[in-house]
Amino acid sequence: MNNLYQMRTAFSLKEYGTAITRTEFEAHFKRTNERIRFTFNGWDGKSYDGESRGAGVYRANIPGYEEARFVKVGKALCYIDEDSDVLERATGEYHKEAEWLVNVLRADN
């Protein structure tokens, strides 16, 4: 699998290189029946002790990235860093870390 952050080069980025259109998102990503518990590990301003949250997993159809897992939280599309294991202090469980990839614009943009 290729470097996930480099996946951004496959998109037509908008808004100062930070976002893709809803149409582009729907063309390249499909939600699966999988669910994952993950953490932002503090970069969301909340999860400094590894607090986790759950979300549905998306998969991409872009060559080289088919095995990567993605989650959409609000307008942010994030990829799951499979090499990470972050301890959630409250539960003692380890979770994967989500890293920001791009924002997804509303359908009317």
PDB file of N, CA and C in Angstrom:
ATOM      1  N   MET A   1       0.846  -1.180   0.000  1.00  0.00           N
ATOM      2  CA  MET A   1       0.000   0.000   0.000  1.00  0.00           C
ATOM      3  C   MET A   1       0.890   1.242   0.000  1.00  0.00           C
ATOM      4  N   ASN A   2       0.457   2.250  -0.726  1.00  0.00           N
ATOM      5  CA  ASN A   2       1.193   3.497  -0.827  1.00  0.00           C
ATOM      6  C   ASN A   2       1.023   4.345   0.432  1.00  0.00           C
ATOM      7  N   ASN A   3       1.856   5.388   0.561  1.00  0.00           N
ATOM      8  CA  ASN A   3       1.728   6.333   1.663  1.00  0.00           C
ATOM      9  C   ASN A   3       0.346   6.975   1.586  1.00  0.00           C
ATOM     10  N   LEU A   4      -0.419   6.893   2.652  1.00  0.00           N
ATOM     11  CA  LEU A   4      -1.807   7.349   2.614  1.00  0.00           C
ATOM     12  C   LEU A   4      -1.941   8.858   2.444  1.00  0.00           C
ATOM     13  N   TYR A   5      -1.054   9.635   3.030  1.00  0.00           N
ATOM     14  CA  TYR A   5      -1.175  11.084   2.875  1.00  0.00           C
ATOM     15  C   TYR A   5      -0.933  11.492   1.417  1.00  0.00           C
ATOM     16  N   GLN A   6      -0.108  10.736   0.695  1.00  0.00           N
ATOM     17  CA  GLN A   6       0.147  11.023  -0.715  1.00  0.00           C
ATOM     18  C   GLN A   6      -1.069  10.751  -1.585  1.00  0.00           C
ATOM     19  N   MET A   7      -2.056  10.066  -1.055  1.00  0.00           N
ATOM     20  CA  MET A   7      -3.291   9.810  -1.778  1.00  0.00           C
ATOM     21  C   MET A   7      -3.948  11.119  -2.211  1.00  0.00           C
ATOM     22  N   ARG A   8      -3.673  12.186  -1.502  1.00  0.00           N
ATOM     23  CA  ARG A   8      -4.253  13.490  -1.809  1.00  0.00           C
ATOM     24  C   ARG A   8      -3.941  13.927  -3.238  1.00  0.00           C
ATOM     25  N   THR A   9      -2.842  13.463  -3.808  1.00  0.00           N
ATOM     26  CA  THR A   9      -2.476  13.855  -5.171  1.00  0.00           C
ATOM     27  C   THR A   9      -3.441  13.297  -6.213  1.00  0.00           C
ATOM     28  N   ALA A  10      -4.249  12.309  -5.834  1.00  0.00           N
ATOM     29  CA  ALA A  10      -5.221  11.720  -6.764  1.00  0.00           C
ATOM     30  C   ALA A  10      -6.493  12.562  -6.864  1.00  0.00           C
ATOM     31  N   PHE A  11      -6.628  13.583  -6.023  1.00  0.00           N
ATOM     32  CA  PHE A  11      -7.843  14.388  -5.972  1.00  0.00           C
ATOM     33  C   PHE A  11      -7.659  15.763  -6.596  1.00  0.00           C
ATOM     34  N   SER A  12      -8.772  16.373  -6.959  1.00  0.00           N
ATOM     35  CA  SER A  12      -8.801  17.781  -7.371  1.00  0.00           C
ATOM     36  C   SER A  12      -9.123  18.595  -6.118  1.00  0.00           C
ATOM     37  N   LEU A  13      -8.097  19.006  -5.413  1.00  0.00           N
ATOM     38  CA  LEU A  13      -8.283  19.672  -4.127  1.00  0.00           C
ATOM     39  C   LEU A  13      -8.835  21.080  -4.281  1.00  0.00           C
ATOM     40  N   LYS A  14      -9.730  21.446  -3.378  1.00  0.00           N
ATOM     41  CA  LYS A  14     -10.364  22.767  -3.327  1.00  0.00           C
ATOM     42  C   LYS A  14      -9.994  23.429  -2.007  1.00  0.00           C
ATOM     43  N   GLU A  15     -10.462  24.652  -1.817  1.00  0.00           N
ATOM     44  CA  GLU A  15     -10.299  25.388  -0.560  1.00  0.00           C
ATOM     45  C   GLU A  15      -8.861  25.312  -0.029  1.00  0.00           C
ATOM     46  N   TYR A  16      -7.951  25.881  -0.783  1.00  0.00           N
ATOM     47  CA  TYR A  16      -6.539  25.950  -0.403  1.00  0.00           C
ATOM     48  C   TYR A  16      -5.908  24.572  -0.207  1.00  0.00           C
ATOM     49  N   GLY A  17      -6.355  23.608  -0.995  1.00  0.00           N
ATOM     50  CA  GLY A  17      -5.766  22.273  -0.957  1.00  0.00           C
ATOM     51  C   GLY A  17      -6.178  21.436   0.230  1.00  0.00           C
ATOM     52  N   THR A  18      -7.348  21.730   0.835  1.00  0.00           N
ATOM     53  CA  THR A  18      -7.760  21.000   2.027  1.00  0.00           C
ATOM     54  C   THR A  18      -9.022  20.176   1.849  1.00  0.00           C
ATOM     55  N   ALA A  19      -9.704  20.273   0.718  1.00  0.00           N
ATOM     56  CA  ALA A  19     -11.017  19.635   0.598  1.00  0.00           C
ATOM     57  C   ALA A  19     -11.245  19.046  -0.790  1.00  0.00           C
ATOM     58  N   ILE A  20     -12.152  18.063  -0.823  1.00  0.00           N
ATOM     59  CA  ILE A  20     -12.627  17.498  -2.078  1.00  0.00           C
ATOM     60  C   ILE A  20     -14.138  17.701  -2.131  1.00  0.00           C
ATOM     61  N   THR A  21     -14.692  17.596  -3.317  1.00  0.00           N
ATOM     62  CA  THR A  21     -16.141  17.773  -3.461  1.00  0.00           C
ATOM     63  C   THR A  21     -16.866  16.519  -2.981  1.00  0.00           C
ATOM     64  N   ARG A  22     -18.111  16.667  -2.664  1.00  0.00           N
ATOM     65  CA  ARG A  22     -18.956  15.535  -2.267  1.00  0.00           C
ATOM     66  C   ARG A  22     -19.010  14.517  -3.407  1.00  0.00           C
ATOM     67  N   THR A  23     -19.093  15.001  -4.652  1.00  0.00           N
ATOM     68  CA  THR A  23     -19.138  14.109  -5.815  1.00  0.00           C
ATOM     69  C   THR A  23     -17.876  13.264  -5.910  1.00  0.00           C
ATOM     70  N   GLU A  24     -16.727  13.889  -5.708  1.00  0.00           N
ATOM     71  CA  GLU A  24     -15.463  13.158  -5.760  1.00  0.00           C
ATOM     72  C   GLU A  24     -15.378  12.136  -4.621  1.00  0.00           C
ATOM     73  N   PHE A  25     -15.829  12.524  -3.440  1.00  0.00           N
ATOM     74  CA  PHE A  25     -15.859  11.596  -2.307  1.00  0.00           C
ATOM     75  C   PHE A  25     -16.718  10.374  -2.639  1.00  0.00           C
ATOM     76  N   GLU A  26     -17.913  10.606  -3.137  1.00  0.00           N
ATOM     77  CA  GLU A  26     -18.822   9.498  -3.443  1.00  0.00           C
ATOM     78  C   GLU A  26     -18.318   8.628  -4.592  1.00  0.00           C
ATOM     79  N   ALA A  27     -17.522   9.203  -5.480  1.00  0.00           N
ATOM     80  CA  ALA A  27     -16.968   8.436  -6.595  1.00  0.00           C
ATOM     81  C   ALA A  27     -15.832   7.508  -6.154  1.00  0.00           C
ATOM     82  N   HIS A  28     -15.105   7.889  -5.115  1.00  0.00           N
ATOM     83  CA  HIS A  28     -13.908   7.138  -4.724  1.00  0.00           C
ATOM     84  C   HIS A  28     -14.026   6.354  -3.422  1.00  0.00           C
ATOM     85  N   PHE A  29     -15.039   6.606  -2.610  1.00  0.00           N
ATOM     86  CA  PHE A  29     -15.149   5.957  -1.306  1.00  0.00           C
ATOM     87  C   PHE A  29     -16.515   5.306  -1.143  1.00  0.00           C
ATOM     88  N   LYS A  30     -16.516   4.113  -0.556  1.00  0.00           N
ATOM     89  CA  LYS A  30     -17.757   3.389  -0.315  1.00  0.00           C
ATOM     90  C   LYS A  30     -17.758   2.924   1.135  1.00  0.00           C
ATOM     91  N   ARG A  31     -18.873   3.175   1.805  1.00  0.00           N
ATOM     92  CA  ARG A  31     -19.004   2.727   3.188  1.00  0.00           C
ATOM     93  C   ARG A  31     -19.222   1.219   3.212  1.00  0.00           C
ATOM     94  N   THR A  32     -18.579   0.569   4.165  1.00  0.00           N
ATOM     95  CA  THR A  32     -18.703  -0.881   4.335  1.00  0.00           C
ATOM     96  C   THR A  32     -19.547  -1.170   5.573  1.00  0.00           C
ATOM     97  N   ASN A  33     -19.747  -2.436   5.861  1.00  0.00           N
ATOM     98  CA  ASN A  33     -20.452  -2.832   7.079  1.00  0.00           C
ATOM     99  C   ASN A  33     -19.517  -2.888   8.286  1.00  0.00           C
ATOM    100  N   GLU A  34     -18.227  -2.667   8.078  1.00  0.00           N
ATOM    101  CA  GLU A  34     -17.245  -2.700   9.159  1.00  0.00           C
ATOM    102  C   GLU A  34     -17.427  -1.508  10.095  1.00  0.00           C
ATOM    103  N   ARG A  35     -17.071  -1.710  11.340  1.00  0.00           N
ATOM    104  CA  ARG A  35     -17.020  -0.629  12.321  1.00  0.00           C
ATOM    105  C   ARG A  35     -15.656  -0.687  12.989  1.00  0.00           C
ATOM    106  N   ILE A  36     -15.186   0.443  13.455  1.00  0.00           N
ATOM    107  CA  ILE A  36     -13.888   0.504  14.116  1.00  0.00           C
ATOM    108  C   ILE A  36     -13.966   1.464  15.297  1.00  0.00           C
ATOM    109  N   ARG A  37     -13.212   1.141  16.350  1.00  0.00           N
ATOM    110  CA  ARG A  37     -12.999   2.073  17.452  1.00  0.00           C
ATOM    111  C   ARG A  37     -11.604   2.638  17.235  1.00  0.00           C
ATOM    112  N   PHE A  38     -11.475   3.943  17.290  1.00  0.00           N
ATOM    113  CA  PHE A  38     -10.209   4.616  17.000  1.00  0.00           C
ATOM    114  C   PHE A  38     -10.080   5.837  17.906  1.00  0.00           C
ATOM    115  N   THR A  39      -8.913   6.436  17.894  1.00  0.00           N
ATOM    116  CA  THR A  39      -8.675   7.648  18.658  1.00  0.00           C
ATOM    117  C   THR A  39      -8.012   8.691  17.775  1.00  0.00           C
ATOM    118  N   PHE A  40      -8.265   9.947  18.091  1.00  0.00           N
ATOM    119  CA  PHE A  40      -7.534  11.030  17.432  1.00  0.00           C
ATOM    120  C   PHE A  40      -6.261  11.356  18.201  1.00  0.00           C
ATOM    121  N   ASN A  41      -6.099  10.767  19.376  1.00  0.00           N
ATOM    122  CA  ASN A  41      -4.887  10.916  20.185  1.00  0.00           C
ATOM    123  C   ASN A  41      -4.551  12.376  20.482  1.00  0.00           C
ATOM    124  N   GLY A  42      -5.577  13.168  20.743  1.00  0.00           N
ATOM    125  CA  GLY A  42      -5.370  14.543  21.183  1.00  0.00           C
ATOM    126  C   GLY A  42      -5.516  15.608  20.130  1.00  0.00           C
ATOM    127  N   TRP A  43      -5.372  15.285  18.852  1.00  0.00           N
ATOM    128  CA  TRP A  43      -5.407  16.370  17.863  1.00  0.00           C
ATOM    129  C   TRP A  43      -6.807  16.903  17.621  1.00  0.00           C
ATOM    130  N   ASP A  44      -7.817  16.281  18.198  1.00  0.00           N
ATOM    131  CA  ASP A  44      -9.177  16.820  18.134  1.00  0.00           C
ATOM    132  C   ASP A  44      -9.462  17.762  19.299  1.00  0.00           C
ATOM    133  N   GLY A  45      -8.490  17.933  20.182  1.00  0.00           N
ATOM    134  CA  GLY A  45      -8.656  18.804  21.337  1.00  0.00           C
ATOM    135  C   GLY A  45      -9.382  18.150  22.493  1.00  0.00           C
ATOM    136  N   LYS A  46      -9.620  16.851  22.412  1.00  0.00           N
ATOM    137  CA  LYS A  46     -10.386  16.159  23.446  1.00  0.00           C
ATOM    138  C   LYS A  46      -9.727  14.872  23.935  1.00  0.00           C
ATOM    139  N   SER A  47      -9.139  14.120  23.075  1.00  0.00           N
ATOM    140  CA  SER A  47      -8.748  12.739  23.385  1.00  0.00           C
ATOM    141  C   SER A  47      -7.290  12.608  23.819  1.00  0.00           C
ATOM    142  N   TYR A  48      -6.871  13.431  24.762  1.00  0.00           N
ATOM    143  CA  TYR A  48      -5.478  13.422  25.196  1.00  0.00           C
ATOM    144  C   TYR A  48      -5.086  12.146  25.945  1.00  0.00           C
ATOM    145  N   ASP A  49      -6.061  11.442  26.488  1.00  0.00           N
ATOM    146  CA  ASP A  49      -5.781  10.187  27.182  1.00  0.00           C
ATOM    147  C   ASP A  49      -6.204   8.988  26.344  1.00  0.00           C
ATOM    148  N   GLY A  50      -6.229   9.159  25.029  1.00  0.00           N
ATOM    149  CA  GLY A  50      -6.544   8.065  24.122  1.00  0.00           C
ATOM    150  C   GLY A  50      -8.018   7.735  24.008  1.00  0.00           C
ATOM    151  N   GLU A  51      -8.899   8.647  24.479  1.00  0.00           N
ATOM    152  CA  GLU A  51     -10.338   8.370  24.400  1.00  0.00           C
ATOM    153  C   GLU A  51     -10.703   7.998  22.971  1.00  0.00           C
ATOM    154  N   SER A  52     -11.528   6.949  22.862  1.00  0.00           N
ATOM    155  CA  SER A  52     -11.852   6.435  21.540  1.00  0.00           C
ATOM    156  C   SER A  52     -13.285   6.748  21.177  1.00  0.00           C
ATOM    157  N   ARG A  53     -13.568   6.568  19.916  1.00  0.00           N
ATOM    158  CA  ARG A  53     -14.928   6.696  19.386  1.00  0.00           C
ATOM    159  C   ARG A  53     -15.080   5.667  18.286  1.00  0.00           C
ATOM    160  N   GLY A  54     -16.312   5.388  17.940  1.00  0.00           N
ATOM    161  CA  GLY A  54     -16.582   4.408  16.909  1.00  0.00           C
ATOM    162  C   GLY A  54     -17.093   5.067  15.643  1.00  0.00           C
ATOM    163  N   ALA A  55     -16.882   4.408  14.527  1.00  0.00           N
ATOM    164  CA  ALA A  55     -17.375   4.919  13.242  1.00  0.00           C
ATOM    165  C   ALA A  55     -17.420   3.775  12.238  1.00  0.00           C
ATOM    166  N   GLY A  56     -18.182   4.004  11.186  1.00  0.00           N
ATOM    167  CA  GLY A  56     -18.215   3.074  10.073  1.00  0.00           C
ATOM    168  C   GLY A  56     -16.971   3.247   9.213  1.00  0.00           C
ATOM    169  N   VAL A  57     -16.531   2.165   8.620  1.00  0.00           N
ATOM    170  CA  VAL A  57     -15.319   2.177   7.797  1.00  0.00           C
ATOM    171  C   VAL A  57     -15.683   2.395   6.333  1.00  0.00           C
ATOM    172  N   TYR A  58     -14.907   3.229   5.676  1.00  0.00           N
ATOM    173  CA  TYR A  58     -15.001   3.437   4.232  1.00  0.00           C
ATOM    174  C   TYR A  58     -13.780   2.799   3.578  1.00  0.00           C
ATOM    175  N   ARG A  59     -13.944   2.372   2.337  1.00  0.00           N
ATOM    176  CA  ARG A  59     -12.839   1.845   1.527  1.00  0.00           C
ATOM    177  C   ARG A  59     -12.759   2.660   0.239  1.00  0.00           C
ATOM    178  N   ALA A  60     -11.542   2.789  -0.286  1.00  0.00           N
ATOM    179  CA  ALA A  60     -11.311   3.563  -1.503  1.00  0.00           C
ATOM    180  C   ALA A  60     -11.161   2.640  -2.704  1.00  0.00           C
ATOM    181  N   ASN A  61     -11.487   3.175  -3.875  1.00  0.00           N
ATOM    182  CA  ASN A  61     -11.303   2.410  -5.109  1.00  0.00           C
ATOM    183  C   ASN A  61     -10.103   2.922  -5.909  1.00  0.00           C
ATOM    184  N   ILE A  62      -9.246   3.692  -5.290  1.00  0.00           N
ATOM    185  CA  ILE A  62      -8.064   4.244  -5.955  1.00  0.00           C
ATOM    186  C   ILE A  62      -6.956   3.190  -5.913  1.00  0.00           C
ATOM    187  N   PRO A  63      -6.359   2.863  -7.066  1.00  0.00           N
ATOM    188  CA  PRO A  63      -5.320   1.831  -7.097  1.00  0.00           C
ATOM    189  C   PRO A  63      -4.199   2.110  -6.093  1.00  0.00           C
ATOM    190  N   GLY A  64      -3.852   1.080  -5.330  1.00  0.00           N
ATOM    191  CA  GLY A  64      -2.808   1.182  -4.324  1.00  0.00           C
ATOM    192  C   GLY A  64      -3.337   1.492  -2.932  1.00  0.00           C
ATOM    193  N   TYR A  65      -4.607   1.850  -2.833  1.00  0.00           N
ATOM    194  CA  TYR A  65      -5.186   2.231  -1.538  1.00  0.00           C
ATOM    195  C   TYR A  65      -6.428   1.413  -1.189  1.00  0.00           C
ATOM    196  N   GLU A  66      -6.662   0.327  -1.886  1.00  0.00           N
ATOM    197  CA  GLU A  66      -7.875  -0.458  -1.689  1.00  0.00           C
ATOM    198  C   GLU A  66      -7.961  -1.103  -0.310  1.00  0.00           C
ATOM    199  N   GLU A  67      -6.840  -1.386   0.316  1.00  0.00           N
ATOM    200  CA  GLU A  67      -6.834  -2.055   1.622  1.00  0.00           C
ATOM    201  C   GLU A  67      -6.889  -1.082   2.796  1.00  0.00           C
ATOM    202  N   ALA A  68      -6.730   0.189   2.547  1.00  0.00           N
ATOM    203  CA  ALA A  68      -6.729   1.189   3.627  1.00  0.00           C
ATOM    204  C   ALA A  68      -8.134   1.374   4.181  1.00  0.00           C
ATOM    205  N   ARG A  69      -8.199   1.707   5.464  1.00  0.00           N
ATOM    206  CA  ARG A  69      -9.479   1.992   6.106  1.00  0.00           C
ATOM    207  C   ARG A  69      -9.578   3.497   6.361  1.00  0.00           C
ATOM    208  N   PHE A  70     -10.763   4.030   6.132  1.00  0.00           N
ATOM    209  CA  PHE A  70     -11.034   5.446   6.311  1.00  0.00           C
ATOM    210  C   PHE A  70     -12.269   5.616   7.172  1.00  0.00           C
ATOM    211  N   VAL A  71     -12.353   6.729   7.886  1.00  0.00           N
ATOM    212  CA  VAL A  71     -13.552   7.096   8.640  1.00  0.00           C
ATOM    213  C   VAL A  71     -13.879   8.537   8.308  1.00  0.00           C
ATOM    214  N   LYS A  72     -15.150   8.853   8.356  1.00  0.00           N
ATOM    215  CA  LYS A  72     -15.588  10.222   8.123  1.00  0.00           C
ATOM    216  C   LYS A  72     -16.209  10.720   9.419  1.00  0.00           C
ATOM    217  N   VAL A  73     -15.641  11.786   9.948  1.00  0.00           N
ATOM    218  CA  VAL A  73     -16.113  12.385  11.201  1.00  0.00           C
ATOM    219  C   VAL A  73     -16.439  13.834  10.891  1.00  0.00           C
ATOM    220  N   GLY A  74     -17.719  14.165  10.885  1.00  0.00           N
ATOM    221  CA  GLY A  74     -18.124  15.501  10.467  1.00  0.00           C
ATOM    222  C   GLY A  74     -17.753  15.684   9.015  1.00  0.00           C
ATOM    223  N   LYS A  75     -17.043  16.753   8.713  1.00  0.00           N
ATOM    224  CA  LYS A  75     -16.615  16.977   7.336  1.00  0.00           C
ATOM    225  C   LYS A  75     -15.237  16.386   7.038  1.00  0.00           C
ATOM    226  N   ALA A  76     -14.561  15.868   8.058  1.00  0.00           N
ATOM    227  CA  ALA A  76     -13.202  15.354   7.895  1.00  0.00           C
ATOM    228  C   ALA A  76     -13.190  13.891   7.464  1.00  0.00           C
ATOM    229  N   LEU A  77     -12.437  13.606   6.432  1.00  0.00           N
ATOM    230  CA  LEU A  77     -12.169  12.227   6.024  1.00  0.00           C
ATOM    231  C   LEU A  77     -10.781  11.892   6.556  1.00  0.00           C
ATOM    232  N   CYS A  78     -10.699  10.845   7.367  1.00  0.00           N
ATOM    233  CA  CYS A  78      -9.446  10.468   8.011  1.00  0.00           C
ATOM    234  C   CYS A  78      -9.083   9.043   7.628  1.00  0.00           C
ATOM    235  N   TYR A  79      -7.792   8.758   7.638  1.00  0.00           N
ATOM    236  CA  TYR A  79      -7.345   7.386   7.401  1.00  0.00           C
ATOM    237  C   TYR A  79      -6.884   6.784   8.716  1.00  0.00           C
ATOM    238  N   ILE A  80      -6.989   5.482   8.821  1.00  0.00           N
ATOM    239  CA  ILE A  80      -6.576   4.764  10.017  1.00  0.00           C
ATOM    240  C   ILE A  80      -5.113   4.368   9.869  1.00  0.00           C
ATOM    241  N   ASP A  81      -4.298   4.800  10.818  1.00  0.00           N
ATOM    242  CA  ASP A  81      -2.884   4.449  10.841  1.00  0.00           C
ATOM    243  C   ASP A  81      -2.761   3.054  11.448  1.00  0.00           C
ATOM    244  N   GLU A  82      -2.611   2.068  10.597  1.00  0.00           N
ATOM    245  CA  GLU A  82      -2.587   0.673  11.032  1.00  0.00           C
ATOM    246  C   GLU A  82      -1.360   0.341  11.872  1.00  0.00           C
ATOM    247  N   ASP A  83      -0.323   1.157  11.818  1.00  0.00           N
ATOM    248  CA  ASP A  83       0.896   0.907  12.592  1.00  0.00           C
ATOM    249  C   ASP A  83       0.829   1.487  13.996  1.00  0.00           C
ATOM    250  N   SER A  84      -0.241   2.175  14.330  1.00  0.00           N
ATOM    251  CA  SER A  84      -0.347   2.817  15.643  1.00  0.00           C
ATOM    252  C   SER A  84      -1.137   1.950  16.608  1.00  0.00           C
ATOM    253  N   ASP A  85      -0.794   2.046  17.855  1.00  0.00           N
ATOM    254  CA  ASP A  85      -1.538   1.440  18.948  1.00  0.00           C
ATOM    255  C   ASP A  85      -1.509   2.435  20.099  1.00  0.00           C
ATOM    256  N   VAL A  86      -2.625   3.064  20.371  1.00  0.00           N
ATOM    257  CA  VAL A  86      -2.704   4.106  21.384  1.00  0.00           C
ATOM    258  C   VAL A  86      -3.531   3.585  22.551  1.00  0.00           C
ATOM    259  N   LEU A  87      -2.986   3.723  23.756  1.00  0.00           N
ATOM    260  CA  LEU A  87      -3.655   3.254  24.964  1.00  0.00           C
ATOM    261  C   LEU A  87      -4.743   4.231  25.383  1.00  0.00           C
ATOM    262  N   GLU A  88      -5.942   3.710  25.585  1.00  0.00           N
ATOM    263  CA  GLU A  88      -7.023   4.496  26.170  1.00  0.00           C
ATOM    264  C   GLU A  88      -6.934   4.268  27.678  1.00  0.00           C
ATOM    265  N   ARG A  89      -6.495   5.283  28.406  1.00  0.00           N
ATOM    266  CA  ARG A  89      -6.219   5.118  29.837  1.00  0.00           C
ATOM    267  C   ARG A  89      -7.428   4.655  30.639  1.00  0.00           C
ATOM    268  N   ALA A  90      -8.610   5.123  30.308  1.00  0.00           N
ATOM    269  CA  ALA A  90      -9.808   4.788  31.080  1.00  0.00           C
ATOM    270  C   ALA A  90     -10.167   3.311  30.992  1.00  0.00           C
ATOM    271  N   THR A  91      -9.901   2.677  29.846  1.00  0.00           N
ATOM    272  CA  THR A  91     -10.320   1.281  29.653  1.00  0.00           C
ATOM    273  C   THR A  91      -9.155   0.296  29.611  1.00  0.00           C
ATOM    274  N   GLY A  92      -7.943   0.778  29.357  1.00  0.00           N
ATOM    275  CA  GLY A  92      -6.794  -0.104  29.213  1.00  0.00           C
ATOM    276  C   GLY A  92      -6.725  -0.772  27.849  1.00  0.00           C
ATOM    277  N   GLU A  93      -7.600  -0.372  26.921  1.00  0.00           N
ATOM    278  CA  GLU A  93      -7.616  -0.946  25.578  1.00  0.00           C
ATOM    279  C   GLU A  93      -6.730  -0.124  24.643  1.00  0.00           C
ATOM    280  N   TYR A  94      -6.233  -0.788  23.610  1.00  0.00           N
ATOM    281  CA  TYR A  94      -5.457  -0.104  22.583  1.00  0.00           C
ATOM    282  C   TYR A  94      -6.315   0.086  21.342  1.00  0.00           C
ATOM    283  N   HIS A  95      -6.165   1.252  20.714  1.00  0.00           N
ATOM    284  CA  HIS A  95      -6.922   1.568  19.505  1.00  0.00           C
ATOM    285  C   HIS A  95      -5.984   2.162  18.468  1.00  0.00           C
ATOM    286  N   LYS A  96      -6.388   2.055  17.224  1.00  0.00           N
ATOM    287  CA  LYS A  96      -5.641   2.668  16.125  1.00  0.00           C
ATOM    288  C   LYS A  96      -5.907   4.170  16.120  1.00  0.00           C
ATOM    289  N   GLU A  97      -4.954   4.923  15.597  1.00  0.00           N
ATOM    290  CA  GLU A  97      -5.093   6.375  15.516  1.00  0.00           C
ATOM    291  C   GLU A  97      -5.610   6.776  14.142  1.00  0.00           C
ATOM    292  N   ALA A  98      -6.509   7.742  14.111  1.00  0.00           N
ATOM    293  CA  ALA A  98      -7.013   8.292  12.854  1.00  0.00           C
ATOM    294  C   ALA A  98      -6.228   9.556  12.538  1.00  0.00           C
ATOM    295  N   GLU A  99      -5.833   9.694  11.282  1.00  0.00           N
ATOM    296  CA  GLU A  99      -5.082  10.859  10.810  1.00  0.00           C
ATOM    297  C   GLU A  99      -5.902  11.572   9.742  1.00  0.00           C
ATOM    298  N   TRP A 100      -5.952  12.881   9.791  1.00  0.00           N
ATOM    299  CA  TRP A 100      -6.724  13.673   8.839  1.00  0.00           C
ATOM    300  C   TRP A 100      -6.153  13.538   7.431  1.00  0.00           C
ATOM    301  N   LEU A 101      -7.051  13.396   6.451  1.00  0.00           N
ATOM    302  CA  LEU A 101      -6.653  13.336   5.046  1.00  0.00           C
ATOM    303  C   LEU A 101      -7.162  14.566   4.293  1.00  0.00           C
ATOM    304  N   VAL A 102      -8.462  14.748   4.215  1.00  0.00           N
ATOM    305  CA  VAL A 102      -9.077  15.911   3.556  1.00  0.00           C
ATOM    306  C   VAL A 102     -10.447  16.173   4.179  1.00  0.00           C
ATOM    307  N   ASN A 103     -10.964  17.350   3.929  1.00  0.00           N
ATOM    308  CA  ASN A 103     -12.355  17.657   4.261  1.00  0.00           C
ATOM    309  C   ASN A 103     -13.214  17.342   3.049  1.00  0.00           C
ATOM    310  N   VAL A 104     -14.476  17.040   3.299  1.00  0.00           N
ATOM    311  CA  VAL A 104     -15.430  16.782   2.212  1.00  0.00           C
ATOM    312  C   VAL A 104     -16.437  17.917   2.212  1.00  0.00           C
ATOM    313  N   LEU A 105     -16.541  18.584   1.085  1.00  0.00           N
ATOM    314  CA  LEU A 105     -17.464  19.718   0.971  1.00  0.00           C
ATOM    315  C   LEU A 105     -18.905  19.248   0.927  1.00  0.00           C
ATOM    316  N   ARG A 106     -19.799  20.128   1.278  1.00  0.00           N
ATOM    317  CA  ARG A 106     -21.225  19.828   1.173  1.00  0.00           C
ATOM    318  C   ARG A 106     -21.618  19.634  -0.286  1.00  0.00           C
ATOM    319  N   ALA A 107     -22.744  18.989  -0.497  1.00  0.00           N
ATOM    320  CA  ALA A 107     -23.198  18.665  -1.844  1.00  0.00           C
ATOM    321  C   ALA A 107     -23.442  19.907  -2.694  1.00  0.00           C
ATOM    322  N   ASP A 108     -23.786  21.029  -2.071  1.00  0.00           N
ATOM    323  CA  ASP A 108     -24.091  22.226  -2.848  1.00  0.00           C
ATOM    324  C   ASP A 108     -22.859  23.055  -3.195  1.00  0.00           C
ATOM    325  N   ASN A 109     -21.655  22.596  -2.832  1.00  0.00           N
ATOM    326  CA  ASN A 109     -20.414  23.335  -3.156  1.00  0.00           C
ATOM    327  C   ASN A 109     -19.759  22.787  -4.389  1.00  0.00           C
TER     328      ASN A 109
END
